């Protein structure tokens, strides 16, 4: 993790923390599907309970809900609503092609607010979006190149 070394900057990074129902299913989704690397983890009694995932300058954390422990302020339903995470990228279309090649379910890219947008939902229902700037007209849908 590289942090900015400017003494005038206090807050250096925001890292989403996702409570997940099955960390053994979520870790491969993020690592094998989305290309993140596990850079830190908490292993308890031989089982990963928490991990820090990193890809380039973006990070997120996962922790499994334990059935025998009460978690404060964690919704009981699987579908997470109200929060979306946006990753601002150099080339969202390259990520789209990468994710599709790994059989990750992802929306067809479109242009919104001057950016290519691709969206997906993780195994616990968290909405993830990857965006990159473009000059392509608003609401343009991505057309994959035909390979002969």
C-alpha atoms as a PDB file:
ATOM      1  CA  UNK A   1       0.000   0.000   0.000  1.00  0.00           C
ATOM      2  CA  UNK A   2       1.522   3.335  -0.989  1.00  0.00           C
ATOM      3  CA  UNK A   3       0.304   6.395   0.850  1.00  0.00           C
ATOM      4  CA  UNK A   4       0.921  10.014  -0.045  1.00  0.00           C
ATOM      5  CA  UNK A   5       3.805  11.387   2.006  1.00  0.00           C
ATOM      6  CA  UNK A   6       2.647  15.041   2.177  1.00  0.00           C
ATOM      7  CA  UNK A   7       2.555  16.342   5.746  1.00  0.00           C
ATOM      8  CA  UNK A   8      -0.397  18.610   4.865  1.00  0.00           C
ATOM      9  CA  UNK A   9      -2.565  15.657   3.890  1.00  0.00           C
ATOM     10  CA  UNK A  10      -4.239  13.941   6.825  1.00  0.00           C
ATOM     11  CA  UNK A  11      -6.764  11.530   5.312  1.00  0.00           C
ATOM     12  CA  UNK A  12      -4.877   9.339   2.881  1.00  0.00           C
ATOM     13  CA  UNK A  13      -7.253   6.593   1.820  1.00  0.00           C
ATOM     14  CA  UNK A  14     -10.816   5.348   2.210  1.00  0.00           C
ATOM     15  CA  UNK A  15     -11.150   1.569   2.194  1.00  0.00           C
ATOM     16  CA  UNK A  16     -14.545  -0.138   1.838  1.00  0.00           C
ATOM     17  CA  UNK A  17     -15.163  -2.857   4.430  1.00  0.00           C
ATOM     18  CA  UNK A  18     -17.580  -5.576   3.318  1.00  0.00           C
ATOM     19  CA  UNK A  19     -19.214  -8.022   5.707  1.00  0.00           C
ATOM     20  CA  UNK A  20     -19.567 -11.239   3.702  1.00  0.00           C
ATOM     21  CA  UNK A  21     -21.518 -14.410   4.324  1.00  0.00           C
ATOM     22  CA  UNK A  22     -18.809 -16.746   2.979  1.00  0.00           C
ATOM     23  CA  UNK A  23     -15.273 -15.385   2.802  1.00  0.00           C
ATOM     24  CA  UNK A  24     -14.084 -18.578   1.075  1.00  0.00           C
ATOM     25  CA  UNK A  25     -16.414 -17.711  -1.831  1.00  0.00           C
ATOM     26  CA  UNK A  26     -15.696 -13.974  -1.789  1.00  0.00           C
ATOM     27  CA  UNK A  27     -11.879 -14.140  -1.800  1.00  0.00           C
ATOM     28  CA  UNK A  28     -11.639 -16.109  -5.093  1.00  0.00           C
ATOM     29  CA  UNK A  29     -14.193 -13.768  -6.682  1.00  0.00           C
ATOM     30  CA  UNK A  30     -12.026 -10.746  -5.938  1.00  0.00           C
ATOM     31  CA  UNK A  31      -8.652 -12.455  -6.497  1.00  0.00           C
ATOM     32  CA  UNK A  32      -9.282 -14.749  -9.485  1.00  0.00           C
ATOM     33  CA  UNK A  33     -12.156 -12.796 -11.027  1.00  0.00           C
ATOM     34  CA  UNK A  34     -11.273  -9.147 -10.401  1.00  0.00           C
ATOM     35  CA  UNK A  35      -7.489  -9.402 -10.095  1.00  0.00           C
ATOM     36  CA  UNK A  36      -7.049  -8.223  -6.505  1.00  0.00           C
ATOM     37  CA  UNK A  37      -4.221  -9.550  -4.311  1.00  0.00           C
ATOM     38  CA  UNK A  38      -4.593 -10.512  -0.659  1.00  0.00           C
ATOM     39  CA  UNK A  39      -1.971  -8.380   1.088  1.00  0.00           C
ATOM     40  CA  UNK A  40      -2.980  -9.052   4.687  1.00  0.00           C
ATOM     41  CA  UNK A  41      -5.270 -11.454   6.496  1.00  0.00           C
ATOM     42  CA  UNK A  42      -6.407 -12.562   9.923  1.00  0.00           C
ATOM     43  CA  UNK A  43      -6.463 -16.325  10.293  1.00  0.00           C
ATOM     44  CA  UNK A  44      -8.215 -17.743  13.350  1.00  0.00           C
ATOM     45  CA  UNK A  45      -8.223 -21.470  14.068  1.00  0.00           C
ATOM     46  CA  UNK A  46      -7.029 -22.180  10.507  1.00  0.00           C
ATOM     47  CA  UNK A  47      -9.765 -20.107   8.844  1.00  0.00           C
ATOM     48  CA  UNK A  48      -9.469 -16.684   7.219  1.00  0.00           C
ATOM     49  CA  UNK A  49     -11.755 -14.317   9.125  1.00  0.00           C
ATOM     50  CA  UNK A  50     -10.671 -10.999   7.553  1.00  0.00           C
ATOM     51  CA  UNK A  51      -8.511  -9.917   4.629  1.00  0.00           C
ATOM     52  CA  UNK A  52      -7.168  -6.782   2.946  1.00  0.00           C
ATOM     53  CA  UNK A  53      -7.326  -6.893  -0.848  1.00  0.00           C
ATOM     54  CA  UNK A  54      -5.341  -4.597  -3.118  1.00  0.00           C
ATOM     55  CA  UNK A  55      -5.265  -3.892  -6.837  1.00  0.00           C
ATOM     56  CA  UNK A  56      -3.096  -1.017  -7.963  1.00  0.00           C
ATOM     57  CA  UNK A  57      -4.055   1.929  -5.687  1.00  0.00           C
ATOM     58  CA  UNK A  58      -7.465   0.527  -4.735  1.00  0.00           C
ATOM     59  CA  UNK A  59      -8.097  -1.542  -1.623  1.00  0.00           C
ATOM     60  CA  UNK A  60     -10.997  -3.161   0.179  1.00  0.00           C
ATOM     61  CA  UNK A  61     -11.485  -5.392   3.193  1.00  0.00           C
ATOM     62  CA  UNK A  62     -13.627  -8.472   3.658  1.00  0.00           C
ATOM     63  CA  UNK A  63     -14.706 -10.065   6.925  1.00  0.00           C
ATOM     64  CA  UNK A  64     -17.004 -13.014   7.328  1.00  0.00           C
ATOM     65  CA  UNK A  65     -20.036 -12.705   9.536  1.00  0.00           C
ATOM     66  CA  UNK A  66     -19.680 -15.277  12.294  1.00  0.00           C
ATOM     67  CA  UNK A  67     -22.920 -16.926  13.294  1.00  0.00           C
ATOM     68  CA  UNK A  68     -21.831 -17.321  16.917  1.00  0.00           C
ATOM     69  CA  UNK A  69     -20.880 -13.644  17.350  1.00  0.00           C
ATOM     70  CA  UNK A  70     -23.253 -10.670  17.362  1.00  0.00           C
ATOM     71  CA  UNK A  71     -22.204  -8.009  14.845  1.00  0.00           C
ATOM     72  CA  UNK A  72     -23.511  -4.528  15.538  1.00  0.00           C
ATOM     73  CA  UNK A  73     -25.171  -2.575  12.697  1.00  0.00           C
ATOM     74  CA  UNK A  74     -24.924  -5.389  10.157  1.00  0.00           C
ATOM     75  CA  UNK A  75     -28.107  -6.060   8.169  1.00  0.00           C
ATOM     76  CA  UNK A  76     -29.355  -9.627   8.330  1.00  0.00           C
ATOM     77  CA  UNK A  77     -30.353  -9.742   4.670  1.00  0.00           C
ATOM     78  CA  UNK A  78     -27.786 -10.795   2.074  1.00  0.00           C
ATOM     79  CA  UNK A  79     -28.514  -8.051  -0.481  1.00  0.00           C
ATOM     80  CA  UNK A  80     -26.558  -4.938   0.417  1.00  0.00           C
ATOM     81  CA  UNK A  81     -28.329  -1.723  -0.557  1.00  0.00           C
ATOM     82  CA  UNK A  82     -27.608   1.969  -0.407  1.00  0.00           C
ATOM     83  CA  UNK A  83     -23.859   1.890  -1.021  1.00  0.00           C
ATOM     84  CA  UNK A  84     -21.983   1.435  -4.271  1.00  0.00           C
ATOM     85  CA  UNK A  85     -18.216   1.464  -4.685  1.00  0.00           C
ATOM     86  CA  UNK A  86     -16.763   3.235  -7.716  1.00  0.00           C
ATOM     87  CA  UNK A  87     -13.230   2.474  -8.878  1.00  0.00           C
ATOM     88  CA  UNK A  88     -11.875   5.233 -11.111  1.00  0.00           C
ATOM     89  CA  UNK A  89      -9.573   3.634 -13.679  1.00  0.00           C
ATOM     90  CA  UNK A  90      -7.377   4.493 -16.621  1.00  0.00           C
ATOM     91  CA  UNK A  91      -9.207   2.000 -18.866  1.00  0.00           C
ATOM     92  CA  UNK A  92     -12.491   0.495 -17.696  1.00  0.00           C
ATOM     93  CA  UNK A  93     -12.979  -1.223 -21.067  1.00  0.00           C
ATOM     94  CA  UNK A  94      -9.743  -3.184 -20.567  1.00  0.00           C
ATOM     95  CA  UNK A  95     -11.092  -4.319 -17.192  1.00  0.00           C
ATOM     96  CA  UNK A  96     -14.388  -5.275 -18.849  1.00  0.00           C
ATOM     97  CA  UNK A  97     -12.547  -7.512 -21.329  1.00  0.00           C
ATOM     98  CA  UNK A  98     -10.411  -8.980 -18.517  1.00  0.00           C
ATOM     99  CA  UNK A  99     -13.426  -9.738 -16.316  1.00  0.00           C
ATOM    100  CA  UNK A 100     -15.394 -11.284 -19.207  1.00  0.00           C
ATOM    101  CA  UNK A 101     -12.389 -13.502 -20.041  1.00  0.00           C
ATOM    102  CA  UNK A 102     -12.562 -14.784 -16.436  1.00  0.00           C
ATOM    103  CA  UNK A 103     -16.326 -15.425 -16.717  1.00  0.00           C
ATOM    104  CA  UNK A 104     -17.229 -12.662 -14.262  1.00  0.00           C
ATOM    105  CA  UNK A 105     -20.806 -11.476 -14.788  1.00  0.00           C
ATOM    106  CA  UNK A 106     -20.533  -7.790 -15.709  1.00  0.00           C
ATOM    107  CA  UNK A 107     -22.862  -5.317 -17.409  1.00  0.00           C
ATOM    108  CA  UNK A 108     -22.318  -4.134 -20.945  1.00  0.00           C
ATOM    109  CA  UNK A 109     -20.235  -0.931 -20.760  1.00  0.00           C
ATOM    110  CA  UNK A 110     -21.994   2.366 -21.412  1.00  0.00           C
ATOM    111  CA  UNK A 111     -21.051   6.035 -21.218  1.00  0.00           C
ATOM    112  CA  UNK A 112     -22.461   7.994 -18.283  1.00  0.00           C
ATOM    113  CA  UNK A 113     -21.263  11.374 -17.028  1.00  0.00           C
ATOM    114  CA  UNK A 114     -18.382  11.377 -19.504  1.00  0.00           C
ATOM    115  CA  UNK A 115     -17.097   8.005 -18.361  1.00  0.00           C
ATOM    116  CA  UNK A 116     -17.209   4.405 -19.558  1.00  0.00           C
ATOM    117  CA  UNK A 117     -19.031   2.504 -16.809  1.00  0.00           C
ATOM    118  CA  UNK A 118     -18.983  -1.223 -16.131  1.00  0.00           C
ATOM    119  CA  UNK A 119     -20.908  -2.640 -13.212  1.00  0.00           C
ATOM    120  CA  UNK A 120     -21.041  -5.927 -11.376  1.00  0.00           C
ATOM    121  CA  UNK A 121     -22.334  -7.425  -8.166  1.00  0.00           C
ATOM    122  CA  UNK A 122     -20.193  -9.497  -5.817  1.00  0.00           C
ATOM    123  CA  UNK A 123     -21.413 -12.756  -4.190  1.00  0.00           C
ATOM    124  CA  UNK A 124     -22.950 -10.801  -1.281  1.00  0.00           C
ATOM    125  CA  UNK A 125     -24.783  -8.307  -3.462  1.00  0.00           C
ATOM    126  CA  UNK A 126     -22.380  -5.367  -3.182  1.00  0.00           C
ATOM    127  CA  UNK A 127     -22.494  -3.124  -6.271  1.00  0.00           C
ATOM    128  CA  UNK A 128     -19.075  -2.426  -7.786  1.00  0.00           C
ATOM    129  CA  UNK A 129     -18.473  -0.009 -10.661  1.00  0.00           C
ATOM    130  CA  UNK A 130     -15.335   0.619 -12.705  1.00  0.00           C
ATOM    131  CA  UNK A 131     -15.165   3.889 -14.663  1.00  0.00           C
ATOM    132  CA  UNK A 132     -12.762   5.714 -16.965  1.00  0.00           C
ATOM    133  CA  UNK A 133     -12.979   9.075 -18.732  1.00  0.00           C
ATOM    134  CA  UNK A 134     -14.009   9.227 -22.372  1.00  0.00           C
ATOM    135  CA  UNK A 135     -15.050  11.699 -25.067  1.00  0.00           C
ATOM    136  CA  UNK A 136     -17.597   9.242 -26.463  1.00  0.00           C
ATOM    137  CA  UNK A 137     -21.184  10.636 -26.448  1.00  0.00           C
ATOM    138  CA  UNK A 138     -23.381  10.029 -23.396  1.00  0.00           C
ATOM    139  CA  UNK A 139     -25.399   6.788 -23.266  1.00  0.00           C
ATOM    140  CA  UNK A 140     -23.245   5.111 -25.926  1.00  0.00           C
ATOM    141  CA  UNK A 141     -23.223   1.335 -25.503  1.00  0.00           C
ATOM    142  CA  UNK A 142     -19.954  -0.504 -25.995  1.00  0.00           C
ATOM    143  CA  UNK A 143     -19.764  -2.593 -29.171  1.00  0.00           C
ATOM    144  CA  UNK A 144     -17.218  -5.369 -29.010  1.00  0.00           C
ATOM    145  CA  UNK A 145     -14.846  -5.572 -31.922  1.00  0.00           C
ATOM    146  CA  UNK A 146     -15.395  -8.511 -34.224  1.00  0.00           C
ATOM    147  CA  UNK A 147     -12.413 -10.820 -34.318  1.00  0.00           C
ATOM    148  CA  UNK A 148     -11.880 -12.607 -37.595  1.00  0.00           C
END
